[in-house]
């Protein structure tokens, strides 16, 4: 590669950092090498509170309104919708909020 004044310049290796992946070093010849130092990252499966609140308010607004399903199963009051949404939120977000435990080597998961 040449510079604007015609002198040859060496390509500098580029390091791509990703929070959950190991860094990959791209060298002059195009070969790649892995950087084996990886930082421990905590994994969050539950959505942010802002998203949870938006889903809750949307469900409370839409459950009492007429729809294809409400024609078949009837509509519910806003108060009842708030109670139902509270139960849905509890069931939906409790499991992702619990920390994951690594499985012991040789143990089998129970699917009963």
PDB file of N, CA and C in Angstrom:
ATOM      1  N   UNK A   1       0.847  -1.170   0.000  1.00  0.00           N
ATOM      2  CA  UNK A   1       0.000   0.000   0.000  1.00  0.00           C
ATOM      3  C   UNK A   1       0.894   1.235   0.000  1.00  0.00           C
ATOM      4  N   UNK A   2       0.515   2.262  -0.735  1.00  0.00           N
ATOM      5  CA  UNK A   2       1.333   3.467  -0.816  1.00  0.00           C
ATOM      6  C   UNK A   2       0.597   4.637  -0.202  1.00  0.00           C
ATOM      7  N   UNK A   3       1.363   5.571   0.312  1.00  0.00           N
ATOM      8  CA  UNK A   3       0.831   6.781   0.906  1.00  0.00           C
ATOM      9  C   UNK A   3       0.549   7.793  -0.202  1.00  0.00           C
ATOM     10  N   UNK A   4      -0.013   8.945   0.129  1.00  0.00           N
ATOM     11  CA  UNK A   4      -0.326   9.958  -0.877  1.00  0.00           C
ATOM     12  C   UNK A   4       0.925  10.507  -1.553  1.00  0.00           C
ATOM     13  N   UNK A   5       2.071  10.467  -0.882  1.00  0.00           N
ATOM     14  CA  UNK A   5       3.302  10.958  -1.497  1.00  0.00           C
ATOM     15  C   UNK A   5       4.076   9.857  -2.210  1.00  0.00           C
ATOM     16  N   UNK A   6       3.516   8.644  -2.301  1.00  0.00           N
ATOM     17  CA  UNK A   6       4.135   7.570  -3.058  1.00  0.00           C
ATOM     18  C   UNK A   6       4.993   6.636  -2.234  1.00  0.00           C
ATOM     19  N   UNK A   7       5.165   6.906  -0.941  1.00  0.00           N
ATOM     20  CA  UNK A   7       5.977   6.017  -0.112  1.00  0.00           C
ATOM     21  C   UNK A   7       5.135   4.836   0.350  1.00  0.00           C
ATOM     22  N   UNK A   8       5.803   3.707   0.484  1.00  0.00           N
ATOM     23  CA  UNK A   8       5.099   2.498   0.909  1.00  0.00           C
ATOM     24  C   UNK A   8       4.800   2.574   2.402  1.00  0.00           C
ATOM     25  N   UNK A   9       3.591   2.205   2.763  1.00  0.00           N
ATOM     26  CA  UNK A   9       3.207   2.174   4.173  1.00  0.00           C
ATOM     27  C   UNK A   9       2.785   0.766   4.538  1.00  0.00           C
ATOM     28  N   UNK A  10       3.111   0.354   5.732  1.00  0.00           N
ATOM     29  CA  UNK A  10       2.739  -0.986   6.205  1.00  0.00           C
ATOM     30  C   UNK A  10       1.315  -0.947   6.748  1.00  0.00           C
ATOM     31  N   UNK A  11       0.594  -2.020   6.495  1.00  0.00           N
ATOM     32  CA  UNK A  11      -0.755  -2.125   7.044  1.00  0.00           C
ATOM     33  C   UNK A  11      -0.671  -2.391   8.535  1.00  0.00           C
ATOM     34  N   UNK A  12      -1.458  -1.687   9.285  1.00  0.00           N
ATOM     35  CA  UNK A  12      -1.496  -1.890  10.727  1.00  0.00           C
ATOM     36  C   UNK A  12      -2.533  -2.959  11.049  1.00  0.00           C
ATOM     37  N   UNK A  13      -2.228  -3.886  11.967  1.00  0.00           N
ATOM     38  CA  UNK A  13      -3.223  -4.879  12.348  1.00  0.00           C
ATOM     39  C   UNK A  13      -4.405  -4.213  13.038  1.00  0.00           C
ATOM     40  N   UNK A  14      -5.575  -4.739  12.790  1.00  0.00           N
ATOM     41  CA  UNK A  14      -6.797  -4.204  13.364  1.00  0.00           C
ATOM     42  C   UNK A  14      -7.322  -5.179  14.402  1.00  0.00           C
ATOM     43  N   UNK A  15      -7.704  -4.677  15.555  1.00  0.00           N
ATOM     44  CA  UNK A  15      -8.292  -5.525  16.586  1.00  0.00           C
ATOM     45  C   UNK A  15      -9.769  -5.183  16.678  1.00  0.00           C
ATOM     46  N   UNK A  16     -10.612  -6.206  16.543  1.00  0.00           N
ATOM     47  CA  UNK A  16     -12.052  -6.036  16.664  1.00  0.00           C
ATOM     48  C   UNK A  16     -12.463  -6.507  18.049  1.00  0.00           C
ATOM     49  N   UNK A  17     -12.985  -5.621  18.857  1.00  0.00           N
ATOM     50  CA  UNK A  17     -13.430  -5.999  20.198  1.00  0.00           C
ATOM     51  C   UNK A  17     -14.930  -6.179  20.208  1.00  0.00           C
ATOM     52  N   UNK A  18     -15.371  -7.252  20.813  1.00  0.00           N
ATOM     53  CA  UNK A  18     -16.793  -7.533  20.973  1.00  0.00           C
ATOM     54  C   UNK A  18     -16.979  -7.948  22.416  1.00  0.00           C
ATOM     55  N   UNK A  19     -17.994  -7.443  23.116  1.00  0.00           N
ATOM     56  CA  UNK A  19     -18.106  -7.720  24.542  1.00  0.00           C
ATOM     57  C   UNK A  19     -18.293  -9.190  24.887  1.00  0.00           C
ATOM     58  N   UNK A  20     -18.852  -9.996  23.977  1.00  0.00           N
ATOM     59  CA  UNK A  20     -19.104 -11.388  24.319  1.00  0.00           C
ATOM     60  C   UNK A  20     -18.242 -12.355  23.531  1.00  0.00           C
ATOM     61  N   UNK A  21     -17.414 -11.869  22.646  1.00  0.00           N
ATOM     62  CA  UNK A  21     -16.579 -12.752  21.831  1.00  0.00           C
ATOM     63  C   UNK A  21     -15.118 -12.427  22.061  1.00  0.00           C
ATOM     64  N   UNK A  22     -14.272 -13.349  21.705  1.00  0.00           N
ATOM     65  CA  UNK A  22     -12.843 -13.102  21.814  1.00  0.00           C
ATOM     66  C   UNK A  22     -12.412 -12.168  20.689  1.00  0.00           C
ATOM     67  N   UNK A  23     -11.395 -11.376  20.981  1.00  0.00           N
ATOM     68  CA  UNK A  23     -10.902 -10.446  19.968  1.00  0.00           C
ATOM     69  C   UNK A  23     -10.163 -11.220  18.889  1.00  0.00           C
ATOM     70  N   UNK A  24     -10.335 -10.783  17.663  1.00  0.00           N
ATOM     71  CA  UNK A  24      -9.654 -11.407  16.533  1.00  0.00           C
ATOM     72  C   UNK A  24      -8.677 -10.388  15.971  1.00  0.00           C
ATOM     73  N   UNK A  25      -7.428 -10.793  15.833  1.00  0.00           N
ATOM     74  CA  UNK A  25      -6.406  -9.898  15.290  1.00  0.00           C
ATOM     75  C   UNK A  25      -6.225 -10.237  13.812  1.00  0.00           C
ATOM     76  N   UNK A  26      -6.437  -9.238  12.949  1.00  0.00           N
ATOM     77  CA  UNK A  26      -6.237  -9.411  11.519  1.00  0.00           C
ATOM     78  C   UNK A  26      -4.859  -8.863  11.186  1.00  0.00           C
ATOM     79  N   UNK A  27      -4.009  -9.726  10.661  1.00  0.00           N
ATOM     80  CA  UNK A  27      -2.628  -9.349  10.400  1.00  0.00           C
ATOM     81  C   UNK A  27      -2.452  -8.911   8.951  1.00  0.00           C
ATOM     82  N   UNK A  28      -1.230  -8.437   8.629  1.00  0.00           N
ATOM     83  CA  UNK A  28      -0.933  -7.907   7.303  1.00  0.00           C
ATOM     84  C   UNK A  28      -1.250  -8.891   6.185  1.00  0.00           C
ATOM     85  N   UNK A  29      -0.956 -10.164   6.380  1.00  0.00           N
ATOM     86  CA  UNK A  29      -1.156 -11.141   5.319  1.00  0.00           C
ATOM     87  C   UNK A  29      -2.587 -11.665   5.262  1.00  0.00           C
ATOM     88  N   UNK A  30      -3.468 -11.144   6.079  1.00  0.00           N
ATOM     89  CA  UNK A  30      -4.860 -11.573   6.068  1.00  0.00           C
ATOM     90  C   UNK A  30      -5.148 -12.712   7.018  1.00  0.00           C
ATOM     91  N   UNK A  31      -4.117 -13.280   7.636  1.00  0.00           N
ATOM     92  CA  UNK A  31      -4.319 -14.373   8.589  1.00  0.00           C
ATOM     93  C   UNK A  31      -4.913 -13.808   9.874  1.00  0.00           C
ATOM     94  N   UNK A  32      -5.624 -14.636  10.566  1.00  0.00           N
ATOM     95  CA  UNK A  32      -6.228 -14.191  11.820  1.00  0.00           C
ATOM     96  C   UNK A  32      -5.684 -15.019  12.970  1.00  0.00           C
ATOM     97  N   UNK A  33      -5.600 -14.415  14.114  1.00  0.00           N
ATOM     98  CA  UNK A  33      -5.211 -15.139  15.324  1.00  0.00           C
ATOM     99  C   UNK A  33      -6.159 -14.735  16.437  1.00  0.00           C
ATOM    100  N   UNK A  34      -6.504 -15.690  17.294  1.00  0.00           N
ATOM    101  CA  UNK A  34      -7.432 -15.413  18.376  1.00  0.00           C
ATOM    102  C   UNK A  34      -6.693 -14.904  19.599  1.00  0.00           C
ATOM    103  N   UNK A  35      -7.241 -13.895  20.215  1.00  0.00           N
ATOM    104  CA  UNK A  35      -6.740 -13.430  21.490  1.00  0.00           C
ATOM    105  C   UNK A  35      -7.512 -14.205  22.548  1.00  0.00           C
ATOM    106  N   UNK A  36      -6.841 -15.040  23.313  1.00  0.00           N
ATOM    107  CA  UNK A  36      -7.541 -15.974  24.190  1.00  0.00           C
ATOM    108  C   UNK A  36      -7.979 -15.376  25.511  1.00  0.00           C
ATOM    109  N   UNK A  37      -7.692 -14.118  25.755  1.00  0.00           N
ATOM    110  CA  UNK A  37      -8.162 -13.514  26.995  1.00  0.00           C
ATOM    111  C   UNK A  37      -9.574 -13.005  26.774  1.00  0.00           C
ATOM    112  N   UNK A  38     -10.500 -13.607  27.485  1.00  0.00           N
ATOM    113  CA  UNK A  38     -11.909 -13.231  27.348  1.00  0.00           C
ATOM    114  C   UNK A  38     -12.417 -12.794  28.710  1.00  0.00           C
ATOM    115  N   UNK A  39     -13.085 -11.667  28.755  1.00  0.00           N
ATOM    116  CA  UNK A  39     -13.629 -11.161  30.004  1.00  0.00           C
ATOM    117  C   UNK A  39     -14.939 -11.870  30.309  1.00  0.00           C
ATOM    118  N   UNK A  40     -15.177 -12.098  31.590  1.00  0.00           N
ATOM    119  CA  UNK A  40     -16.437 -12.698  32.015  1.00  0.00           C
ATOM    120  C   UNK A  40     -17.530 -11.637  31.913  1.00  0.00           C
ATOM    121  N   UNK A  41     -18.611 -11.983  31.273  1.00  0.00           N
ATOM    122  CA  UNK A  41     -19.737 -11.079  31.114  1.00  0.00           C
ATOM    123  C   UNK A  41     -20.954 -11.702  31.773  1.00  0.00           C
ATOM    124  N   UNK A  42     -21.757 -10.891  32.436  1.00  0.00           N
ATOM    125  CA  UNK A  42     -22.998 -11.417  32.989  1.00  0.00           C
ATOM    126  C   UNK A  42     -24.062 -11.351  31.903  1.00  0.00           C
ATOM    127  N   UNK A  43     -24.888 -12.353  31.863  1.00  0.00           N
ATOM    128  CA  UNK A  43     -25.934 -12.437  30.856  1.00  0.00           C
ATOM    129  C   UNK A  43     -27.272 -12.062  31.485  1.00  0.00           C
ATOM    130  N   UNK A  44     -27.972 -11.125  30.878  1.00  0.00           N
ATOM    131  CA  UNK A  44     -29.284 -10.717  31.352  1.00  0.00           C
ATOM    132  C   UNK A  44     -30.310 -11.124  30.309  1.00  0.00           C
ATOM    133  N   UNK A  45     -31.218 -12.005  30.706  1.00  0.00           N
ATOM    134  CA  UNK A  45     -32.236 -12.465  29.781  1.00  0.00           C
ATOM    135  C   UNK A  45     -33.504 -11.632  29.867  1.00  0.00           C
ATOM    136  N   UNK A  46     -33.738 -11.001  30.992  1.00  0.00           N
ATOM    137  CA  UNK A  46     -34.952 -10.215  31.170  1.00  0.00           C
ATOM    138  C   UNK A  46     -34.811  -8.881  30.435  1.00  0.00           C
ATOM    139  N   UNK A  47     -35.903  -8.402  29.833  1.00  0.00           N
ATOM    140  CA  UNK A  47     -35.837  -7.109  29.143  1.00  0.00           C
ATOM    141  C   UNK A  47     -35.755  -5.962  30.148  1.00  0.00           C
ATOM    142  N   UNK A  48     -35.358  -4.781  29.693  1.00  0.00           N
ATOM    143  CA  UNK A  48     -35.305  -3.625  30.582  1.00  0.00           C
ATOM    144  C   UNK A  48     -36.689  -3.282  31.127  1.00  0.00           C
ATOM    145  N   UNK A  49     -36.710  -2.628  32.277  1.00  0.00           N
ATOM    146  CA  UNK A  49     -37.978  -2.271  32.924  1.00  0.00           C
ATOM    147  C   UNK A  49     -38.839  -1.407  32.012  1.00  0.00           C
ATOM    148  N   UNK A  50     -38.226  -0.547  31.226  1.00  0.00           N
ATOM    149  CA  UNK A  50     -38.970   0.321  30.302  1.00  0.00           C
ATOM    150  C   UNK A  50     -39.796  -0.514  29.324  1.00  0.00           C
ATOM    151  N   UNK A  51     -39.201  -1.579  28.785  1.00  0.00           N
ATOM    152  CA  UNK A  51     -39.921  -2.452  27.854  1.00  0.00           C
ATOM    153  C   UNK A  51     -41.025  -3.222  28.561  1.00  0.00           C
ATOM    154  N   UNK A  52     -40.737  -3.690  29.777  1.00  0.00           N
ATOM    155  CA  UNK A  52     -41.755  -4.410  30.540  1.00  0.00           C
ATOM    156  C   UNK A  52     -42.962  -3.517  30.804  1.00  0.00           C
ATOM    157  N   UNK A  53     -42.705  -2.267  31.199  1.00  0.00           N
ATOM    158  CA  UNK A  53     -43.800  -1.331  31.468  1.00  0.00           C
ATOM    159  C   UNK A  53     -44.618  -1.052  30.213  1.00  0.00           C
ATOM    160  N   UNK A  54     -43.966  -0.953  29.068  1.00  0.00           N
ATOM    161  CA  UNK A  54     -44.679  -0.713  27.809  1.00  0.00           C
ATOM    162  C   UNK A  54     -45.578  -1.892  27.458  1.00  0.00           C
ATOM    163  N   UNK A  55     -45.083  -3.113  27.645  1.00  0.00           N
ATOM    164  CA  UNK A  55     -45.891  -4.302  27.358  1.00  0.00           C
ATOM    165  C   UNK A  55     -47.077  -4.378  28.310  1.00  0.00           C
ATOM    166  N   UNK A  56     -46.843  -4.088  29.582  1.00  0.00           N
ATOM    167  CA  UNK A  56     -47.918  -4.135  30.577  1.00  0.00           C
ATOM    168  C   UNK A  56     -49.013  -3.139  30.232  1.00  0.00           C
ATOM    169  N   UNK A  57     -48.640  -1.896  29.947  1.00  0.00           N
ATOM    170  CA  UNK A  57     -49.662  -0.885  29.638  1.00  0.00           C
ATOM    171  C   UNK A  57     -50.399  -1.224  28.350  1.00  0.00           C
ATOM    172  N   UNK A  58     -49.692  -1.792  27.371  1.00  0.00           N
ATOM    173  CA  UNK A  58     -50.347  -2.178  26.118  1.00  0.00           C
ATOM    174  C   UNK A  58     -51.364  -3.291  26.362  1.00  0.00           C
ATOM    175  N   UNK A  59     -51.002  -4.280  27.162  1.00  0.00           N
ATOM    176  CA  UNK A  59     -51.941  -5.364  27.460  1.00  0.00           C
ATOM    177  C   UNK A  59     -53.149  -4.863  28.240  1.00  0.00           C
ATOM    178  N   UNK A  60     -52.924  -3.978  29.209  1.00  0.00           N
ATOM    179  CA  UNK A  60     -54.044  -3.441  29.990  1.00  0.00           C
ATOM    180  C   UNK A  60     -54.987  -2.651  29.095  1.00  0.00           C
ATOM    181  N   UNK A  61     -54.458  -1.972  28.087  1.00  0.00           N
ATOM    182  CA  UNK A  61     -55.303  -1.215  27.158  1.00  0.00           C
ATOM    183  C   UNK A  61     -56.043  -2.122  26.180  1.00  0.00           C
ATOM    184  N   UNK A  62     -55.407  -3.195  25.710  1.00  0.00           N
ATOM    185  CA  UNK A  62     -56.005  -4.003  24.643  1.00  0.00           C
ATOM    186  C   UNK A  62     -56.884  -5.147  25.134  1.00  0.00           C
ATOM    187  N   UNK A  63     -56.628  -5.682  26.322  1.00  0.00           N
ATOM    188  CA  UNK A  63     -57.454  -6.803  26.788  1.00  0.00           C
ATOM    189  C   UNK A  63     -58.934  -6.443  26.946  1.00  0.00           C
ATOM    190  N   UNK A  64     -59.295  -5.264  27.453  1.00  0.00           N
ATOM    191  CA  UNK A  64     -60.721  -4.941  27.588  1.00  0.00           C
ATOM    192  C   UNK A  64     -61.409  -4.497  26.289  1.00  0.00           C
ATOM    193  N   UNK A  65     -60.670  -4.288  25.211  1.00  0.00           N
ATOM    194  CA  UNK A  65     -61.279  -3.798  23.971  1.00  0.00           C
ATOM    195  C   UNK A  65     -61.805  -4.955  23.129  1.00  0.00           C
ATOM    196  N   UNK A  66     -62.822  -4.695  22.315  1.00  0.00           N
ATOM    197  CA  UNK A  66     -63.381  -5.750  21.455  1.00  0.00           C
ATOM    198  C   UNK A  66     -62.359  -6.226  20.421  1.00  0.00           C
ATOM    199  N   UNK A  67     -62.314  -7.537  20.223  1.00  0.00           N
ATOM    200  CA  UNK A  67     -61.426  -8.137  19.241  1.00  0.00           C
ATOM    201  C   UNK A  67     -62.037  -9.450  18.782  1.00  0.00           C
ATOM    202  N   UNK A  68     -61.356 -10.140  17.894  1.00  0.00           N
ATOM    203  CA  UNK A  68     -61.833 -11.434  17.412  1.00  0.00           C
ATOM    204  C   UNK A  68     -61.964 -12.406  18.581  1.00  0.00           C
ATOM    205  N   UNK A  69     -60.979 -12.416  19.459  1.00  0.00           N
ATOM    206  CA  UNK A  69     -61.027 -13.316  20.611  1.00  0.00           C
ATOM    207  C   UNK A  69     -62.090 -12.906  21.621  1.00  0.00           C
ATOM    208  N   UNK A  70     -62.281 -11.600  21.825  1.00  0.00           N
ATOM    209  CA  UNK A  70     -63.286 -11.175  22.798  1.00  0.00           C
ATOM    210  C   UNK A  70     -64.698 -11.467  22.305  1.00  0.00           C
ATOM    211  N   UNK A  71     -64.894 -11.534  20.995  1.00  0.00           N
ATOM    212  CA  UNK A  71     -66.214 -11.913  20.478  1.00  0.00           C
ATOM    213  C   UNK A  71     -66.526 -13.356  20.838  1.00  0.00           C
ATOM    214  N   UNK A  72     -65.513 -14.185  20.878  1.00  0.00           N
ATOM    215  CA  UNK A  72     -65.711 -15.595  21.222  1.00  0.00           C
ATOM    216  C   UNK A  72     -65.708 -15.827  22.730  1.00  0.00           C
ATOM    217  N   UNK A  73     -64.784 -15.169  23.447  1.00  0.00           N
ATOM    218  CA  UNK A  73     -64.603 -15.442  24.872  1.00  0.00           C
ATOM    219  C   UNK A  73     -65.097 -14.329  25.782  1.00  0.00           C
ATOM    220  N   UNK A  74     -65.580 -13.235  25.255  1.00  0.00           N
ATOM    221  CA  UNK A  74     -66.101 -12.093  26.005  1.00  0.00           C
ATOM    222  C   UNK A  74     -64.957 -11.166  26.429  1.00  0.00           C
ATOM    223  N   UNK A  75     -65.286  -9.917  26.659  1.00  0.00           N
ATOM    224  CA  UNK A  75     -64.288  -8.939  27.097  1.00  0.00           C
ATOM    225  C   UNK A  75     -64.172  -8.972  28.618  1.00  0.00           C
ATOM    226  N   UNK A  76     -63.090  -8.399  29.122  1.00  0.00           N
ATOM    227  CA  UNK A  76     -62.905  -8.309  30.566  1.00  0.00           C
ATOM    228  C   UNK A  76     -62.773  -6.843  30.940  1.00  0.00           C
ATOM    229  N   UNK A  77     -63.008  -6.539  32.214  1.00  0.00           N
ATOM    230  CA  UNK A  77     -62.911  -5.154  32.668  1.00  0.00           C
ATOM    231  C   UNK A  77     -61.441  -4.734  32.758  1.00  0.00           C
ATOM    232  N   UNK A  78     -61.224  -3.434  32.853  1.00  0.00           N
ATOM    233  CA  UNK A  78     -59.864  -2.911  32.957  1.00  0.00           C
ATOM    234  C   UNK A  78     -59.191  -3.391  34.244  1.00  0.00           C
ATOM    235  N   UNK A  79     -59.959  -3.446  35.345  1.00  0.00           N
ATOM    236  CA  UNK A  79     -59.404  -3.913  36.616  1.00  0.00           C
ATOM    237  C   UNK A  79     -58.986  -5.377  36.525  1.00  0.00           C
ATOM    238  N   UNK A  80     -59.850  -6.199  35.896  1.00  0.00           N
ATOM    239  CA  UNK A  80     -59.525  -7.612  35.726  1.00  0.00           C
ATOM    240  C   UNK A  80     -58.322  -7.773  34.789  1.00  0.00           C
ATOM    241  N   UNK A  81     -58.251  -6.926  33.772  1.00  0.00           N
ATOM    242  CA  UNK A  81     -57.112  -6.974  32.847  1.00  0.00           C
ATOM    243  C   UNK A  81     -55.811  -6.665  33.584  1.00  0.00           C
ATOM    244  N   UNK A  82     -55.846  -5.698  34.501  1.00  0.00           N
ATOM    245  CA  UNK A  82     -54.647  -5.360  35.276  1.00  0.00           C
ATOM    246  C   UNK A  82     -54.210  -6.539  36.140  1.00  0.00           C
ATOM    247  N   UNK A  83     -55.178  -7.252  36.733  1.00  0.00           N
ATOM    248  CA  UNK A  83     -54.842  -8.434  37.536  1.00  0.00           C
ATOM    249  C   UNK A  83     -54.232  -9.535  36.672  1.00  0.00           C
ATOM    250  N   UNK A  84     -54.840  -9.773  35.505  1.00  0.00           N
ATOM    251  CA  UNK A  84     -54.347 -10.811  34.594  1.00  0.00           C
ATOM    252  C   UNK A  84     -52.940 -10.467  34.112  1.00  0.00           C
ATOM    253  N   UNK A  85     -52.723  -9.212  33.771  1.00  0.00           N
ATOM    254  CA  UNK A  85     -51.405  -8.781  33.293  1.00  0.00           C
ATOM    255  C   UNK A  85     -50.361  -8.936  34.395  1.00  0.00           C
ATOM    256  N   UNK A  86     -50.744  -8.684  35.646  1.00  0.00           N
ATOM    257  CA  UNK A  86     -49.820  -8.889  36.760  1.00  0.00           C
ATOM    258  C   UNK A  86     -49.388 -10.342  36.870  1.00  0.00           C
ATOM    259  N   UNK A  87     -50.340 -11.265  36.690  1.00  0.00           N
ATOM    260  CA  UNK A  87     -50.007 -12.701  36.719  1.00  0.00           C
ATOM    261  C   UNK A  87     -49.118 -13.084  35.537  1.00  0.00           C
ATOM    262  N   UNK A  88     -49.433 -12.541  34.364  1.00  0.00           N
ATOM    263  CA  UNK A  88     -48.630 -12.834  33.168  1.00  0.00           C
ATOM    264  C   UNK A  88     -47.201 -12.340  33.370  1.00  0.00           C
ATOM    265  N   UNK A  89     -47.066 -11.123  33.886  1.00  0.00           N
ATOM    266  CA  UNK A  89     -45.728 -10.562  34.095  1.00  0.00           C
ATOM    267  C   UNK A  89     -44.941 -11.400  35.092  1.00  0.00           C
ATOM    268  N   UNK A  90     -45.588 -11.800  36.165  1.00  0.00           N
ATOM    269  CA  UNK A  90     -44.894 -12.592  37.179  1.00  0.00           C
ATOM    270  C   UNK A  90     -44.370 -13.896  36.593  1.00  0.00           C
ATOM    271  N   UNK A  91     -45.204 -14.584  35.841  1.00  0.00           N
ATOM    272  CA  UNK A  91     -44.787 -15.857  35.250  1.00  0.00           C
ATOM    273  C   UNK A  91     -43.745 -15.666  34.151  1.00  0.00           C
ATOM    274  N   UNK A  92     -43.902 -14.603  33.361  1.00  0.00           N
ATOM    275  CA  UNK A  92     -43.022 -14.409  32.208  1.00  0.00           C
ATOM    276  C   UNK A  92     -41.639 -13.905  32.587  1.00  0.00           C
ATOM    277  N   UNK A  93     -41.540 -13.091  33.633  1.00  0.00           N
ATOM    278  CA  UNK A  93     -40.272 -12.440  33.922  1.00  0.00           C
ATOM    279  C   UNK A  93     -39.546 -12.985  35.139  1.00  0.00           C
ATOM    280  N   UNK A  94     -40.161 -13.865  35.909  1.00  0.00           N
ATOM    281  CA  UNK A  94     -39.472 -14.429  37.066  1.00  0.00           C
ATOM    282  C   UNK A  94     -38.383 -15.393  36.611  1.00  0.00           C
ATOM    283  N   UNK A  95     -38.687 -16.256  35.663  1.00  0.00           N
ATOM    284  CA  UNK A  95     -37.706 -17.247  35.205  1.00  0.00           C
ATOM    285  C   UNK A  95     -36.463 -16.599  34.592  1.00  0.00           C
ATOM    286  N   UNK A  96     -36.586 -15.626  33.691  1.00  0.00           N
ATOM    287  CA  UNK A  96     -35.364 -15.029  33.134  1.00  0.00           C
ATOM    288  C   UNK A  96     -34.573 -14.218  34.152  1.00  0.00           C
ATOM    289  N   UNK A  97     -35.210 -13.754  35.213  1.00  0.00           N
ATOM    290  CA  UNK A  97     -34.511 -12.933  36.199  1.00  0.00           C
ATOM    291  C   UNK A  97     -33.670 -13.766  37.155  1.00  0.00           C
ATOM    292  N   UNK A  98     -33.949 -15.059  37.260  1.00  0.00           N
ATOM    293  CA  UNK A  98     -33.165 -15.904  38.155  1.00  0.00           C
ATOM    294  C   UNK A  98     -31.814 -16.204  37.518  1.00  0.00           C
ATOM    295  N   UNK A  99     -30.747 -16.203  38.310  1.00  0.00           N
ATOM    296  CA  UNK A  99     -29.422 -16.470  37.740  1.00  0.00           C
ATOM    297  C   UNK A  99     -29.310 -17.911  37.259  1.00  0.00           C
ATOM    298  N   UNK A 100     -28.569 -18.088  36.188  1.00  0.00           N
ATOM    299  CA  UNK A 100     -28.356 -19.420  35.638  1.00  0.00           C
ATOM    300  C   UNK A 100     -27.260 -20.121  36.423  1.00  0.00           C
ATOM    301  N   UNK A 101     -27.496 -21.381  36.727  1.00  0.00           N
ATOM    302  CA  UNK A 101     -26.487 -22.177  37.411  1.00  0.00           C
ATOM    303  C   UNK A 101     -25.869 -23.123  36.401  1.00  0.00           C
ATOM    304  N   UNK A 102     -24.550 -23.222  36.380  1.00  0.00           N
ATOM    305  CA  UNK A 102     -23.927 -24.163  35.441  1.00  0.00           C
ATOM    306  C   UNK A 102     -24.261 -25.594  35.833  1.00  0.00           C
ATOM    307  N   UNK A 103     -24.494 -26.416  34.829  1.00  0.00           N
ATOM    308  CA  UNK A 103     -24.827 -27.809  35.060  1.00  0.00           C
ATOM    309  C   UNK A 103     -23.555 -28.559  35.429  1.00  0.00           C
ATOM    310  N   UNK A 104     -23.663 -29.432  36.408  1.00  0.00           N
ATOM    311  CA  UNK A 104     -22.517 -30.239  36.833  1.00  0.00           C
ATOM    312  C   UNK A 104     -22.171 -31.224  35.733  1.00  0.00           C
ATOM    313  N   UNK A 105     -20.896 -31.456  35.542  1.00  0.00           N
ATOM    314  CA  UNK A 105     -20.443 -32.379  34.509  1.00  0.00           C
ATOM    315  C   UNK A 105     -20.955 -33.781  34.822  1.00  0.00           C
ATOM    316  N   UNK A 106     -21.571 -34.400  33.836  1.00  0.00           N
ATOM    317  CA  UNK A 106     -22.095 -35.747  34.005  1.00  0.00           C
ATOM    318  C   UNK A 106     -23.529 -35.795  34.486  1.00  0.00           C
ATOM    319  N   UNK A 107     -24.106 -34.648  34.890  1.00  0.00           N
ATOM    320  CA  UNK A 107     -25.494 -34.667  35.344  1.00  0.00           C
ATOM    321  C   UNK A 107     -26.422 -34.546  34.151  1.00  0.00           C
ATOM    322  N   UNK A 108     -27.567 -35.172  34.275  1.00  0.00           N
ATOM    323  CA  UNK A 108     -28.554 -35.135  33.199  1.00  0.00           C
ATOM    324  C   UNK A 108     -29.669 -34.184  33.594  1.00  0.00           C
ATOM    325  N   UNK A 109     -30.196 -33.460  32.604  1.00  0.00           N
ATOM    326  CA  UNK A 109     -31.313 -32.574  32.891  1.00  0.00           C
ATOM    327  C   UNK A 109     -32.581 -33.402  32.931  1.00  0.00           C
ATOM    328  N   UNK A 110     -33.438 -33.083  33.892  1.00  0.00           N
ATOM    329  CA  UNK A 110     -34.690 -33.828  34.013  1.00  0.00           C
ATOM    330  C   UNK A 110     -35.753 -33.161  33.165  1.00  0.00           C
ATOM    331  N   UNK A 111     -36.411 -33.942  32.348  1.00  0.00           N
ATOM    332  CA  UNK A 111     -37.487 -33.434  31.494  1.00  0.00           C
ATOM    333  C   UNK A 111     -38.761 -34.169  31.841  1.00  0.00           C
ATOM    334  N   UNK A 112     -39.174 -34.067  33.096  1.00  0.00           N
ATOM    335  CA  UNK A 112     -40.368 -34.766  33.552  1.00  0.00           C
ATOM    336  C   UNK A 112     -41.556 -33.871  33.492  1.00  0.00           C
TER     337      UNK A 112
END
